Amino acid sequence: MLIELLHWLTTPAPLAHRRRGYVRESVLLLSRSRRCRSAWAGHLERSRAAVIAACANLPRRRIAVVLGSGLLQDVPLAHLAERFEAVHLVDAVHLWPARRAVRAYPNVRLVTADLTGLSGGSASLHDLCAGADVDFVVSANVLSQLPILPLDRPGPQPPDLGRRIVAAHLDGLAALAARVCLLTDVEQVEEDRAGRVTDRLDLLHGVRLGEPDRRWTWDLAPFGEAARDMRQRHQVQAFLDWRGPET
């Protein structure tokens, strides 16, 4: 708790992002990642491998943009920094572990932006990724996270808000000239200790992506994390050259 409080108090972040809960959620994610280090290892390794494969044969490697860089655990930072002239890491909050990690790479910079597109001060994907020198864009396991805090805000919400946020991010990616690597979890499955499925949750609010290049299961919350006799597993999909959602 003391470490979480320290991160919450000392992490640089716009006041608006603090009020929307981005710092709190980032700190909670950091704590869970430490508790679930073993359970998450396979997912993080597969995510990094997908990014490496997606940029392997690019004819030009000027700027790489990572959307939802977060804790950098699913981002092959060293690989990107060595192969691209510049790397831009974009997220609403950059906690101190990520800030310390980028110090080793003079061509890497942090960009603070709200990727939901809902706030007046948000930068659009076009603003962040459509520069003539941007050759590679990664949406790094952020798509399903974008609607969470907006849907938790008090007061009435449009019934299709989650779907609109997801669709807008995908449409923005599809409009880019750069190669896009899309990593996202698409479904949450709850299981009891007997292996029975007790609940399913569509993390993309009805948006369908088509057939991925790779897929795997992420043990997000093993037994004892969210509940003693229940675990949460996410189905993850990777698209190495994203062109657009299923029509």
Protein backbone atom coordinates (compact mmCIF):
# COMPACT_ATOMS: atom_id res chain seq x y z
CA MET A 1 0.00 0.00 0.00
CA LEU A 2 2.82 2.42 0.78
CA ILE A 3 4.46 1.79 -2.61
CA GLU A 4 1.12 2.32 -4.35
CA LEU A 5 0.59 5.57 -2.46
CA LEU A 6 4.09 6.76 -3.33
CA HIS A 7 3.49 6.11 -7.05
CA TRP A 8 0.12 7.83 -6.89
CA LEU A 9 1.58 10.93 -5.19
CA THR A 10 4.79 11.31 -7.20
CA THR A 11 3.88 10.27 -10.76
CA PRO A 12 3.77 13.31 -13.07
CA ALA A 13 0.35 13.48 -14.73
CA PRO A 14 -2.08 16.15 -15.91
CA LEU A 15 -4.68 17.03 -13.31
CA ALA A 16 -7.45 16.00 -15.70
CA HIS A 17 -5.95 12.52 -15.98
CA ARG A 18 -5.78 12.21 -12.21
CA ARG A 19 -9.43 13.22 -11.91
CA ARG A 20 -10.45 10.65 -14.52
CA GLY A 21 -8.70 7.89 -12.55
CA TYR A 22 -5.86 7.13 -14.94
CA VAL A 23 -3.13 7.38 -12.31
CA ARG A 24 -5.05 5.19 -9.87
CA GLU A 25 -5.70 2.53 -12.50
CA SER A 26 -2.07 2.54 -13.64
CA VAL A 27 -0.83 2.07 -10.09
CA LEU A 28 -3.27 -0.79 -9.49
CA LEU A 29 -2.14 -2.42 -12.73
CA LEU A 30 1.49 -2.17 -11.63
CA SER A 31 0.68 -3.86 -8.33
CA ARG A 32 -1.27 -6.65 -10.01
CA SER A 33 1.50 -7.23 -12.54
CA ARG A 34 3.92 -7.82 -9.68
CA ARG A 35 1.59 -10.20 -7.85
CA CYS A 36 0.83 -12.10 -11.07
CA ARG A 37 4.33 -12.03 -12.55
CA SER A 38 4.45 -15.77 -13.23
CA ALA A 39 0.89 -16.01 -14.59
CA TRP A 40 1.45 -13.06 -16.95
CA ALA A 41 4.87 -14.13 -18.26
CA GLY A 42 3.61 -16.07 -21.29
CA HIS A 43 1.24 -13.32 -22.39
CA LEU A 44 3.89 -10.63 -22.14
CA GLU A 45 6.43 -12.70 -24.06
CA ARG A 46 3.94 -13.45 -26.85
CA SER A 47 3.03 -9.77 -27.06
CA ARG A 48 6.66 -8.72 -27.42
CA ALA A 49 7.27 -11.45 -29.99
CA ALA A 50 4.29 -10.29 -32.07
CA VAL A 51 5.60 -6.71 -32.16
CA ILE A 52 9.06 -7.90 -33.21
CA ALA A 53 7.57 -10.04 -35.98
CA ALA A 54 5.33 -7.21 -37.18
CA CYS A 55 8.21 -4.82 -37.84
CA ALA A 56 10.74 -7.40 -39.06
CA ASN A 57 10.54 -6.65 -42.79
CA LEU A 58 9.71 -2.95 -42.82
CA PRO A 59 11.48 -1.18 -45.71
CA ARG A 60 11.94 1.99 -43.61
CA ARG A 61 12.34 2.38 -39.86
CA ARG A 62 12.11 6.03 -38.97
CA ILE A 63 9.53 6.54 -36.21
CA ALA A 64 7.70 3.83 -34.24
CA VAL A 65 4.70 4.84 -32.12
CA VAL A 66 3.44 2.62 -29.30
CA LEU A 67 -0.12 3.40 -28.18
CA GLY A 68 -0.85 2.26 -24.64
CA SER A 69 2.81 1.75 -23.73
CA GLY A 70 1.86 1.54 -20.06
CA LEU A 71 4.31 -0.40 -17.91
CA LEU A 72 6.35 -1.38 -21.02
CA GLN A 73 6.13 -5.02 -20.00
CA ASP A 74 4.53 -6.07 -23.30
CA VAL A 75 6.70 -3.73 -25.40
CA PRO A 76 10.13 -4.86 -26.74
CA LEU A 77 11.59 -1.44 -26.00
CA ALA A 78 15.25 -2.30 -26.58
CA HIS A 79 14.43 -3.94 -29.91
CA LEU A 80 12.46 -0.92 -31.15
CA ALA A 81 14.99 1.62 -29.90
CA GLU A 82 17.83 -0.18 -31.67
CA ARG A 83 16.01 -0.49 -35.00
CA PHE A 84 14.12 2.79 -35.33
CA GLU A 85 15.44 6.31 -35.50
CA ALA A 86 12.89 7.36 -32.87
CA VAL A 87 10.29 5.68 -30.67
CA HIS A 88 7.28 7.52 -29.22
CA LEU A 89 5.59 5.89 -26.22
CA VAL A 90 2.03 7.14 -25.79
CA ASP A 91 -0.18 6.69 -22.75
CA ALA A 92 -2.34 8.67 -20.34
CA VAL A 93 0.14 7.98 -17.51
CA HIS A 94 3.81 7.00 -17.43
CA LEU A 95 4.71 5.54 -14.04
CA TRP A 96 8.25 5.78 -12.68
CA PRO A 97 9.35 2.26 -13.74
CA ALA A 98 8.62 3.20 -17.37
CA ARG A 99 10.23 6.62 -16.97
CA ARG A 100 13.40 5.04 -15.64
CA ALA A 101 13.47 2.43 -18.41
CA VAL A 102 13.45 4.99 -21.23
CA ARG A 103 16.45 6.86 -19.82
CA ALA A 104 18.72 4.25 -21.40
CA TYR A 105 17.53 5.20 -24.90
CA PRO A 106 18.11 8.78 -26.08
CA ASN A 107 15.87 8.24 -29.14
CA VAL A 108 12.82 7.28 -27.05
CA ARG A 109 10.37 9.88 -25.77
CA LEU A 110 7.23 9.75 -23.68
CA VAL A 111 4.00 11.29 -24.95
CA THR A 112 1.13 11.85 -22.52
CA ALA A 113 -2.28 11.60 -24.19
CA ASP A 114 -5.81 10.40 -23.50
CA LEU A 115 -6.46 7.80 -26.19
CA THR A 116 -10.22 7.53 -25.61
CA GLY A 117 -10.81 10.60 -27.79
CA LEU A 118 -13.50 11.80 -25.38
CA SER A 119 -11.83 14.77 -23.73
CA GLY A 120 -11.33 18.13 -25.36
CA GLY A 121 -7.58 17.98 -24.78
CA SER A 122 -7.12 14.55 -26.31
CA ALA A 123 -4.81 14.02 -29.23
CA SER A 124 -6.32 12.04 -32.09
CA LEU A 125 -4.57 9.03 -33.58
CA HIS A 126 -4.00 11.15 -36.67
CA ASP A 127 -2.15 13.73 -34.57
CA LEU A 128 -0.05 11.05 -32.89
CA CYS A 129 0.64 8.65 -35.73
CA ALA A 130 0.03 10.14 -39.15
CA GLY A 131 3.30 11.97 -39.59
CA ALA A 132 5.14 11.29 -42.84
CA ASP A 133 8.05 9.77 -40.91
CA VAL A 134 5.93 7.30 -38.89
CA ASP A 135 6.55 3.83 -40.30
CA PHE A 136 5.22 1.59 -37.52
CA VAL A 137 2.39 1.85 -34.98
CA VAL A 138 1.58 -0.58 -32.18
CA SER A 139 -1.73 -0.63 -30.34
CA ALA A 140 -0.40 -2.48 -27.31
CA ASN A 141 -3.17 -4.27 -25.42
CA VAL A 142 -5.00 -0.98 -24.90
CA LEU A 143 -8.13 -1.33 -27.06
CA SER A 144 -10.26 -3.15 -24.48
CA GLN A 145 -9.09 -0.77 -21.74
CA LEU A 146 -10.22 2.43 -23.42
CA PRO A 147 -13.95 2.20 -22.52
CA ILE A 148 -13.48 1.10 -18.89
CA LEU A 149 -13.15 4.43 -17.08
CA PRO A 150 -15.57 6.34 -19.36
CA LEU A 151 -18.24 3.71 -18.68
CA ASP A 152 -17.58 3.93 -14.92
CA ARG A 153 -18.19 7.66 -14.76
CA PRO A 154 -21.28 8.72 -12.79
CA GLY A 155 -24.36 9.77 -14.66
CA PRO A 156 -26.13 8.44 -17.73
CA GLN A 157 -24.00 7.17 -20.60
CA PRO A 158 -24.96 6.50 -24.21
CA PRO A 159 -25.88 2.80 -24.47
CA ASP A 160 -23.33 2.23 -27.23
CA LEU A 161 -20.48 4.27 -25.71
CA GLY A 162 -18.16 1.28 -25.28
CA ARG A 163 -18.63 0.16 -28.86
CA ARG A 164 -18.13 3.71 -30.16
CA ILE A 165 -14.82 4.08 -28.32
CA VAL A 166 -13.54 0.73 -29.59
CA ALA A 167 -14.69 1.40 -33.16
CA ALA A 168 -13.17 4.88 -33.22
CA HIS A 169 -9.76 3.54 -32.18
CA LEU A 170 -9.89 0.83 -34.84
CA ASP A 171 -11.02 3.27 -37.52
CA GLY A 172 -8.17 5.59 -36.58
CA LEU A 173 -5.66 2.75 -36.91
CA ALA A 174 -7.08 1.63 -40.25
CA ALA A 175 -6.69 5.13 -41.67
CA LEU A 176 -2.94 5.27 -41.01
CA ALA A 177 -0.38 4.85 -43.77
CA ALA A 178 2.09 3.20 -41.36
CA ARG A 179 2.10 -0.52 -40.70
CA VAL A 180 -0.06 -1.23 -37.65
CA CYS A 181 0.42 -4.05 -35.17
CA LEU A 182 -2.77 -4.54 -33.15
CA LEU A 183 -2.64 -6.50 -29.90
CA THR A 184 -5.84 -6.79 -27.91
CA ASP A 185 -7.74 -9.01 -25.54
CA VAL A 186 -11.21 -9.71 -26.90
CA GLU A 187 -13.02 -11.82 -24.30
CA GLN A 188 -12.88 -12.46 -20.56
CA VAL A 189 -13.77 -15.94 -19.34
CA GLU A 190 -14.36 -16.74 -15.66
CA GLU A 191 -13.75 -20.34 -14.57
CA ASP A 192 -14.15 -22.18 -11.28
CA ARG A 193 -11.70 -24.78 -10.00
CA ALA A 194 -13.60 -27.54 -11.79
CA GLY A 195 -12.98 -25.80 -15.10
CA ARG A 196 -16.60 -24.73 -15.52
CA VAL A 197 -17.17 -21.39 -17.25
CA THR A 198 -19.20 -19.20 -14.91
CA ASP A 199 -19.21 -15.98 -16.95
CA ARG A 200 -18.12 -14.50 -20.26
CA LEU A 201 -17.56 -10.85 -21.10
CA ASP A 202 -17.15 -9.35 -24.57
CA LEU A 203 -14.32 -6.87 -24.05
CA LEU A 204 -14.83 -5.15 -27.41
CA HIS A 205 -18.54 -4.43 -26.98
CA GLY A 206 -19.71 -6.29 -30.05
CA VAL A 207 -16.97 -5.17 -32.46
CA ARG A 208 -15.53 -8.08 -34.46
CA LEU A 209 -11.97 -8.02 -35.72
CA GLY A 210 -11.72 -10.89 -38.16
CA GLU A 211 -9.14 -13.68 -38.16
CA PRO A 212 -5.94 -12.81 -36.24
CA ASP A 213 -2.41 -13.83 -37.14
CA ARG A 214 -1.85 -15.12 -33.62
CA ARG A 215 -3.98 -15.87 -30.60
CA TRP A 216 -3.36 -17.00 -27.03
CA THR A 217 -4.78 -17.08 -23.51
CA TRP A 218 -3.72 -14.60 -20.83
CA ASP A 219 -4.15 -15.70 -17.21
CA LEU A 220 -5.13 -12.23 -16.07
CA ALA A 221 -6.27 -13.15 -12.55
CA PRO A 222 -5.25 -16.65 -11.40
CA PHE A 223 -7.03 -18.37 -8.53
CA GLY A 224 -6.72 -16.26 -5.40
CA GLU A 225 -6.22 -12.92 -7.19
CA ALA A 226 -9.81 -11.81 -7.83
CA ALA A 227 -11.46 -14.63 -5.86
CA ARG A 228 -10.26 -17.77 -4.08
CA ASP A 229 -12.07 -20.29 -6.28
CA MET A 230 -12.36 -18.33 -9.52
CA ARG A 231 -9.90 -17.23 -12.17
CA GLN A 232 -10.20 -14.78 -15.05
CA ARG A 233 -8.61 -15.61 -18.38
CA HIS A 234 -8.51 -13.31 -21.39
CA GLN A 235 -8.46 -14.40 -25.01
CA VAL A 236 -5.86 -12.30 -26.84
CA GLN A 237 -5.48 -11.70 -30.57
CA ALA A 238 -2.56 -10.26 -32.52
CA PHE A 239 -2.74 -8.71 -35.99
CA LEU A 240 0.72 -8.12 -37.43
CA ASP A 241 -0.45 -5.86 -40.27
CA TRP A 242 -3.81 -4.41 -39.28
CA ARG A 243 -5.97 -3.17 -42.15
CA GLY A 244 -9.35 -2.62 -40.55
CA PRO A 245 -12.19 -4.33 -38.66
CA GLU A 246 -14.29 -7.10 -40.10
CA THR A 247 -17.05 -5.84 -42.38
